[in-house]
């Protein structure tokens, strides 16, 4: 008989109104997260059914693991290694040990993580911008999870599984995850990330950001003509290669 690892507990959900009320209170935003959680109960909902809900120990474990990565990356006084935090936190969140994918797909779960659990990391990375606390692709932690999902090579890749998630810079990540037509297909986003990585290693960074944005825009146009996610791996790679070559040749 084999051991079956139980899924992570279900996460609390914070409404947009709750995000705004908490952000409006400087005192609460400086308080320990447990005080913020207690104050936010009126704006927090819990999953109605489906399993155990994350208690204090589970929430503390998530906060502590992310804080450990942030501290190793210079938090709270130095943000010169913030990109290292983004990469390693993306891998942590992508591994799925703290949160179910069904929760990670919810904006209000990430609003809770950013506003209740770890606003100090959000401030360190982006200051007081509301969009970095509320749910969506600009949320500090949701963005990192999306990065991991878009660039996950899969368990078959072994130790190289998360190399793409670590390698791509913020501009390249934005070109993928802020375009739902690309990020919605893991095969497409991963193939695009692989090609960017190859370009970075062979041609260097010069002009790569512009080429990546051009390719991403043109891929969306291609996707209207033929469903990219339905292409085989070889055909998808050939189309991305064609667009990169075209972008490099453009004046």
Protein backbone atom coordinates (compact mmCIF):
# COMPACT_ATOMS: atom_id res chain seq x y z
CA UNK A 1 0.00 0.00 0.00
CA UNK A 2 1.48 3.36 -1.07
CA UNK A 3 1.30 6.60 0.89
CA UNK A 4 -0.89 9.28 -0.65
CA UNK A 5 0.10 12.85 0.11
CA UNK A 6 -3.02 14.86 0.96
CA UNK A 7 -3.61 18.02 -1.06
CA UNK A 8 -2.82 21.38 0.52
CA UNK A 9 -5.65 22.97 2.52
CA UNK A 10 -7.97 25.45 0.84
CA UNK A 11 -7.04 29.11 1.05
CA UNK A 12 -9.08 32.06 2.38
CA UNK A 13 -10.33 34.63 -0.13
CA UNK A 14 -10.19 38.40 0.30
CA UNK A 15 -12.60 40.69 -1.55
CA UNK A 16 -11.47 43.76 -3.47
CA UNK A 17 -13.32 45.89 -0.92
CA UNK A 18 -11.28 44.19 1.80
CA UNK A 19 -8.04 44.92 -0.05
CA UNK A 20 -8.93 48.60 -0.23
CA UNK A 21 -10.02 48.83 3.41
CA UNK A 22 -6.82 47.22 4.62
CA UNK A 23 -4.63 49.38 2.39
CA UNK A 24 -6.37 52.45 3.79
CA UNK A 25 -5.22 51.56 7.31
CA UNK A 26 -1.52 52.30 7.78
CA UNK A 27 -1.71 50.79 11.27
CA UNK A 28 -3.09 47.47 10.06
CA UNK A 29 -0.66 47.27 7.16
CA UNK A 30 2.23 47.54 9.62
CA UNK A 31 0.74 45.04 12.09
CA UNK A 32 1.61 41.33 12.31
CA UNK A 33 -0.32 39.29 9.74
CA UNK A 34 -2.44 37.54 12.36
CA UNK A 35 -3.87 40.90 13.49
CA UNK A 36 -4.56 41.82 9.88
CA UNK A 37 -6.26 38.50 9.31
CA UNK A 38 -8.53 39.03 12.31
CA UNK A 39 -9.43 42.53 11.13
CA UNK A 40 -10.13 41.24 7.60
CA UNK A 41 -12.55 38.49 8.63
CA UNK A 42 -15.59 40.54 7.55
CA UNK A 43 -14.16 40.76 4.01
CA UNK A 44 -12.82 37.22 3.89
CA UNK A 45 -14.72 34.20 2.64
CA UNK A 46 -13.88 30.52 2.90
CA UNK A 47 -14.50 27.71 0.42
CA UNK A 48 -17.96 26.23 1.10
CA UNK A 49 -16.94 22.57 0.62
CA UNK A 50 -14.14 20.42 -0.70
CA UNK A 51 -11.62 19.92 2.08
CA UNK A 52 -9.84 21.42 5.05
CA UNK A 53 -9.32 25.18 5.12
CA UNK A 54 -5.82 26.54 5.76
CA UNK A 55 -5.34 27.30 9.42
CA UNK A 56 -2.68 29.36 11.15
CA UNK A 57 0.07 26.76 10.74
CA UNK A 58 -0.43 26.37 6.99
CA UNK A 59 -0.63 30.13 6.41
CA UNK A 60 2.44 30.72 8.56
CA UNK A 61 4.40 28.09 6.61
CA UNK A 62 3.61 29.82 3.30
CA UNK A 63 4.54 33.23 4.71
CA UNK A 64 7.76 31.94 6.28
CA UNK A 65 8.93 30.20 3.11
CA UNK A 66 8.37 33.29 0.97
CA UNK A 67 9.95 35.55 3.58
CA UNK A 68 13.01 33.30 3.70
CA UNK A 69 13.47 33.68 -0.08
CA UNK A 70 12.94 37.43 0.16
CA UNK A 71 15.43 37.80 3.02
CA UNK A 72 18.06 35.86 1.07
CA UNK A 73 17.43 38.30 -1.81
CA UNK A 74 18.02 41.46 0.24
CA UNK A 75 14.63 42.13 1.83
CA UNK A 76 13.83 44.54 3.42
CA UNK A 77 16.65 47.03 2.80
CA UNK A 78 18.09 46.10 -0.60
CA UNK A 79 16.16 45.36 -3.78
CA UNK A 80 19.13 44.79 -6.11
CA UNK A 81 18.45 41.05 -6.06
CA UNK A 82 14.68 41.35 -6.37
CA UNK A 83 14.82 39.40 -9.64
CA UNK A 84 16.31 36.48 -7.70
CA UNK A 85 13.38 36.61 -5.31
CA UNK A 86 10.94 36.61 -8.23
CA UNK A 87 12.56 33.55 -9.80
CA UNK A 88 12.88 31.48 -6.62
CA UNK A 89 9.45 32.44 -5.29
CA UNK A 90 7.94 31.50 -8.65
CA UNK A 91 9.50 28.05 -8.35
CA UNK A 92 8.26 27.65 -4.78
CA UNK A 93 4.71 28.58 -5.75
CA UNK A 94 4.85 26.50 -8.93
CA UNK A 95 5.77 23.37 -7.01
CA UNK A 96 2.31 23.41 -5.46
CA UNK A 97 3.15 22.35 -1.93
CA UNK A 98 1.33 25.27 -0.33
CA UNK A 99 -1.71 25.74 -2.51
CA UNK A 100 -4.04 23.78 -4.78
CA UNK A 101 -4.20 24.81 -8.42
CA UNK A 102 -7.93 25.46 -8.02
CA UNK A 103 -7.06 28.10 -5.42
CA UNK A 104 -4.15 29.50 -7.42
CA UNK A 105 -6.58 30.21 -10.27
CA UNK A 106 -8.56 32.59 -8.03
CA UNK A 107 -7.78 36.31 -7.87
CA UNK A 108 -9.22 36.66 -4.37
CA UNK A 109 -6.85 34.03 -2.98
CA UNK A 110 -3.82 35.98 -4.20
CA UNK A 111 -5.37 39.17 -2.84
CA UNK A 112 -5.37 37.48 0.59
CA UNK A 113 -1.75 36.36 0.24
CA UNK A 114 -0.54 39.81 -0.85
CA UNK A 115 -2.64 42.00 1.44
CA UNK A 116 -3.06 39.92 4.60
CA UNK A 117 -0.08 37.58 4.69
CA UNK A 118 2.82 39.39 3.05
CA UNK A 119 2.22 43.08 2.27
CA UNK A 120 5.76 43.87 3.41
CA UNK A 121 7.13 41.92 0.44
CA UNK A 122 4.73 43.72 -1.89
CA UNK A 123 5.93 47.08 -0.54
CA UNK A 124 9.55 46.00 -0.99
CA UNK A 125 8.92 45.04 -4.60
CA UNK A 126 6.45 47.68 -5.79
CA UNK A 127 5.46 50.08 -3.05
CA UNK A 128 1.81 50.96 -2.51
CA UNK A 129 0.32 50.30 -5.97
CA UNK A 130 -3.11 48.74 -5.39
CA UNK A 131 -2.83 46.50 -8.44
CA UNK A 132 0.05 44.68 -6.78
CA UNK A 133 -2.18 43.68 -3.84
CA UNK A 134 -5.52 42.91 -5.49
CA UNK A 135 -5.93 39.80 -7.61
CA UNK A 136 -4.92 39.70 -11.26
CA UNK A 137 -1.82 39.42 -13.42
CA UNK A 138 -0.22 42.42 -11.67
CA UNK A 139 -0.54 40.89 -8.19
CA UNK A 140 2.99 40.26 -6.91
CA UNK A 141 2.48 36.60 -6.04
CA UNK A 142 -0.15 35.64 -8.60
CA UNK A 143 2.23 36.91 -11.29
CA UNK A 144 4.96 34.61 -10.00
CA UNK A 145 2.67 31.59 -9.98
CA UNK A 146 1.58 32.38 -13.55
CA UNK A 147 5.26 32.63 -14.48
CA UNK A 148 5.93 29.17 -13.09
CA UNK A 149 2.91 27.66 -14.81
CA UNK A 150 3.74 29.24 -18.16
CA UNK A 151 7.35 28.04 -18.11
CA UNK A 152 7.14 24.70 -16.30
CA UNK A 153 9.02 22.10 -18.35
CA UNK A 154 7.33 19.31 -16.41
CA UNK A 155 8.65 16.69 -13.99
CA UNK A 156 10.22 14.74 -16.86
CA UNK A 157 12.80 17.55 -17.16
CA UNK A 158 14.26 16.62 -13.77
CA UNK A 159 16.67 19.20 -12.36
CA UNK A 160 16.09 21.45 -15.40
CA UNK A 161 12.34 21.66 -14.81
CA UNK A 162 12.35 25.26 -13.59
CA UNK A 163 15.28 26.63 -15.60
CA UNK A 164 13.02 28.70 -17.86
CA UNK A 165 11.12 30.15 -14.92
CA UNK A 166 14.44 31.27 -13.50
CA UNK A 167 15.98 32.46 -16.78
CA UNK A 168 13.40 34.76 -18.34
CA UNK A 169 13.53 38.41 -17.33
CA UNK A 170 10.56 40.56 -16.34
CA UNK A 171 10.04 41.98 -19.81
CA UNK A 172 9.92 38.52 -21.38
CA UNK A 173 7.57 37.28 -18.67
CA UNK A 174 5.23 40.23 -19.24
CA UNK A 175 5.15 39.53 -22.99
CA UNK A 176 3.73 36.09 -22.20
CA UNK A 177 1.56 36.24 -19.09
CA UNK A 178 -0.07 39.58 -19.85
CA UNK A 179 -1.41 38.15 -23.11
CA UNK A 180 -4.09 35.58 -22.23
CA UNK A 181 -4.02 34.27 -25.79
CA UNK A 182 -0.50 33.03 -25.12
CA UNK A 183 -0.48 32.32 -21.39
CA UNK A 184 -3.71 30.34 -21.71
CA UNK A 185 -1.77 27.53 -23.40
CA UNK A 186 1.14 26.11 -21.48
CA UNK A 187 2.51 24.52 -24.66
CA UNK A 188 2.59 27.88 -26.44
CA UNK A 189 4.01 29.88 -23.53
CA UNK A 190 6.66 27.27 -22.83
CA UNK A 191 7.71 27.07 -26.51
CA UNK A 192 7.96 30.85 -26.62
CA UNK A 193 10.04 30.85 -23.44
CA UNK A 194 12.35 28.17 -24.83
CA UNK A 195 12.97 30.22 -27.97
CA UNK A 196 13.64 33.39 -25.96
CA UNK A 197 16.14 31.45 -23.84
CA UNK A 198 17.87 30.14 -26.95
CA UNK A 199 18.06 33.66 -28.40
CA UNK A 200 19.50 34.97 -25.14
CA UNK A 201 22.23 32.35 -25.11
CA UNK A 202 23.19 32.55 -28.78
CA UNK A 203 22.57 36.15 -29.88
CA UNK A 204 22.81 37.96 -26.56
CA UNK A 205 20.40 40.46 -25.01
CA UNK A 206 20.77 43.22 -27.59
CA UNK A 207 17.35 44.02 -29.05
CA UNK A 208 15.87 40.88 -27.54
CA UNK A 209 13.13 42.70 -25.62
CA UNK A 210 11.85 44.35 -28.81
CA UNK A 211 11.98 41.07 -30.72
CA UNK A 212 10.12 39.26 -27.96
CA UNK A 213 7.33 41.84 -27.91
CA UNK A 214 7.06 41.71 -31.70
CA UNK A 215 6.90 37.92 -31.72
CA UNK A 216 4.28 37.86 -28.96
CA UNK A 217 2.06 40.33 -30.83
CA UNK A 218 2.38 38.42 -34.08
CA UNK A 219 1.72 35.11 -32.38
CA UNK A 220 -1.64 36.46 -31.25
CA UNK A 221 -2.42 37.31 -34.88
CA UNK A 222 -1.37 33.82 -35.97
CA UNK A 223 -3.57 32.35 -33.26
CA UNK A 224 -6.61 33.96 -34.86
CA UNK A 225 -5.90 32.11 -38.10
CA UNK A 226 -4.84 28.75 -36.67
CA UNK A 227 -5.12 27.49 -33.12
CA UNK A 228 -1.55 27.40 -31.92
CA UNK A 229 -2.27 24.99 -29.10
CA UNK A 230 -3.52 22.44 -31.64
CA UNK A 231 -0.24 22.44 -33.53
CA UNK A 232 2.28 19.70 -32.93
CA UNK A 233 5.44 20.65 -31.06
CA UNK A 234 7.56 20.79 -34.22
CA UNK A 235 5.09 23.01 -36.10
CA UNK A 236 4.69 25.32 -33.11
CA UNK A 237 8.44 25.71 -32.74
CA UNK A 238 8.77 26.36 -36.49
CA UNK A 239 6.19 29.14 -36.35
CA UNK A 240 7.90 30.78 -33.37
CA UNK A 241 11.29 30.45 -35.09
CA UNK A 242 9.85 32.09 -38.21
CA UNK A 243 8.55 35.03 -36.22
CA UNK A 244 11.83 35.53 -34.36
CA UNK A 245 13.76 35.51 -37.64
CA UNK A 246 11.29 37.99 -39.12
CA UNK A 247 11.55 40.24 -36.06
CA UNK A 248 15.35 40.17 -36.23
CA UNK A 249 15.27 41.19 -39.90
CA UNK A 250 12.87 44.09 -39.37
CA UNK A 251 14.42 47.59 -39.63
